[in-house]
Amino acid sequence: MFLGEDLLAWLVLALGGALFAGNMLAVVKPPPAAKEGDLARAPVVRSVGMALVGLVAAVWSLASLISG
């Protein structure tokens, strides 16, 4: 296969990790200066929920890569 047999698992690991990291950083450290019309901080419940989805995807794909 082009780029390896585990390409889908690597892509899910990358996207899940980015989803987790980005949402958690948005909750922990919001941007310093917001433009007019932007939210002052990220919605906490939605951000944590999406971070959990990313964490589950990353852990699942990592388990798939380790198990073979």
C-alpha atoms as a PDB file:
ATOM      1  CA  MET A   1       0.000   0.000   0.000  1.00  0.00           C
ATOM      2  CA  PHE A   2       1.137   3.561  -0.702  1.00  0.00           C
ATOM      3  CA  LEU A   3       2.587   5.031   2.575  1.00  0.00           C
ATOM      4  CA  GLY A   4       2.194   1.825   4.607  1.00  0.00           C
ATOM      5  CA  GLU A   5      -0.418  -0.552   5.883  1.00  0.00           C
ATOM      6  CA  ASP A   6      -1.211   1.506   8.989  1.00  0.00           C
ATOM      7  CA  LEU A   7      -1.807   4.845   7.307  1.00  0.00           C
ATOM      8  CA  LEU A   8      -5.378   5.221   8.595  1.00  0.00           C
ATOM      9  CA  ALA A   9      -4.346   4.499  12.188  1.00  0.00           C
ATOM     10  CA  TRP A  10      -1.531   7.076  11.974  1.00  0.00           C
ATOM     11  CA  LEU A  11      -3.906   9.684  10.560  1.00  0.00           C
ATOM     12  CA  VAL A  12      -6.481   9.048  13.292  1.00  0.00           C
ATOM     13  CA  LEU A  13      -3.719   9.289  15.905  1.00  0.00           C
ATOM     14  CA  ALA A  14      -2.581  12.643  14.499  1.00  0.00           C
ATOM     15  CA  LEU A  15      -6.079  14.097  14.200  1.00  0.00           C
ATOM     16  CA  GLY A  16      -7.193  12.800  17.593  1.00  0.00           C
ATOM     17  CA  GLY A  17      -4.098  14.177  19.273  1.00  0.00           C
ATOM     18  CA  ALA A  18      -4.527  17.547  17.604  1.00  0.00           C
ATOM     19  CA  LEU A  19      -8.210  17.650  18.545  1.00  0.00           C
ATOM     20  CA  PHE A  20      -7.360  16.868  22.169  1.00  0.00           C
ATOM     21  CA  ALA A  21      -4.447  19.295  22.440  1.00  0.00           C
ATOM     22  CA  GLY A  22      -6.145  22.175  20.654  1.00  0.00           C
ATOM     23  CA  ASN A  23      -9.341  22.037  22.664  1.00  0.00           C
ATOM     24  CA  MET A  24      -7.597  21.651  25.996  1.00  0.00           C
ATOM     25  CA  LEU A  25      -5.273  24.559  25.246  1.00  0.00           C
ATOM     26  CA  ALA A  26      -8.268  26.690  24.272  1.00  0.00           C
ATOM     27  CA  VAL A  27      -9.777  26.025  27.707  1.00  0.00           C
ATOM     28  CA  VAL A  28      -6.574  26.362  29.736  1.00  0.00           C
ATOM     29  CA  LYS A  29      -5.016  29.343  27.947  1.00  0.00           C
ATOM     30  CA  PRO A  30      -7.408  31.460  25.877  1.00  0.00           C
ATOM     31  CA  PRO A  31      -5.981  33.930  23.343  1.00  0.00           C
ATOM     32  CA  PRO A  32      -4.752  37.180  24.917  1.00  0.00           C
ATOM     33  CA  ALA A  33      -6.641  39.695  22.777  1.00  0.00           C
ATOM     34  CA  ALA A  34     -10.009  38.975  21.233  1.00  0.00           C
ATOM     35  CA  LYS A  35     -11.341  40.940  18.275  1.00  0.00           C
ATOM     36  CA  GLU A  36     -14.739  42.519  18.461  1.00  0.00           C
ATOM     37  CA  GLY A  37     -17.421  39.856  18.106  1.00  0.00           C
ATOM     38  CA  ASP A  38     -15.148  36.994  19.226  1.00  0.00           C
ATOM     39  CA  LEU A  39     -15.762  35.031  22.387  1.00  0.00           C
ATOM     40  CA  ALA A  40     -13.572  35.986  25.345  1.00  0.00           C
ATOM     41  CA  ARG A  41     -12.974  32.295  26.109  1.00  0.00           C
ATOM     42  CA  ALA A  42     -13.890  28.960  24.608  1.00  0.00           C
ATOM     43  CA  PRO A  43     -17.128  27.223  25.661  1.00  0.00           C
ATOM     44  CA  VAL A  44     -15.851  24.863  28.364  1.00  0.00           C
ATOM     45  CA  VAL A  45     -18.354  22.007  28.064  1.00  0.00           C
ATOM     46  CA  ARG A  46     -18.104  21.786  24.279  1.00  0.00           C
ATOM     47  CA  SER A  47     -14.322  22.070  24.306  1.00  0.00           C
ATOM     48  CA  VAL A  48     -13.867  19.392  26.959  1.00  0.00           C
ATOM     49  CA  GLY A  49     -16.327  17.125  25.134  1.00  0.00           C
ATOM     50  CA  MET A  50     -14.458  17.484  21.869  1.00  0.00           C
ATOM     51  CA  ALA A  51     -11.153  16.954  23.688  1.00  0.00           C
ATOM     52  CA  LEU A  52     -12.513  13.672  25.068  1.00  0.00           C
ATOM     53  CA  VAL A  53     -13.508  12.589  21.567  1.00  0.00           C
ATOM     54  CA  GLY A  54      -9.983  13.350  20.376  1.00  0.00           C
ATOM     55  CA  LEU A  55      -8.461  11.491  23.322  1.00  0.00           C
ATOM     56  CA  VAL A  56     -10.572   8.391  22.654  1.00  0.00           C
ATOM     57  CA  ALA A  57      -9.614   8.449  18.967  1.00  0.00           C
ATOM     58  CA  ALA A  58      -5.914   8.854  19.769  1.00  0.00           C
ATOM     59  CA  VAL A  59      -5.875   6.097  22.394  1.00  0.00           C
ATOM     60  CA  TRP A  60      -7.837   3.738  20.154  1.00  0.00           C
ATOM     61  CA  SER A  61      -5.503   4.271  17.195  1.00  0.00           C
ATOM     62  CA  LEU A  62      -2.441   3.945  19.405  1.00  0.00           C
ATOM     63  CA  ALA A  63      -3.789   0.637  20.716  1.00  0.00           C
ATOM     64  CA  SER A  64      -4.392  -0.500  17.144  1.00  0.00           C
ATOM     65  CA  LEU A  65      -0.830   0.374  16.166  1.00  0.00           C
ATOM     66  CA  ILE A  66       0.684  -1.366  19.193  1.00  0.00           C
ATOM     67  CA  SER A  67      -1.406  -4.522  18.854  1.00  0.00           C
ATOM     68  CA  GLY A  68      -0.267  -4.992  15.324  1.00  0.00           C
END
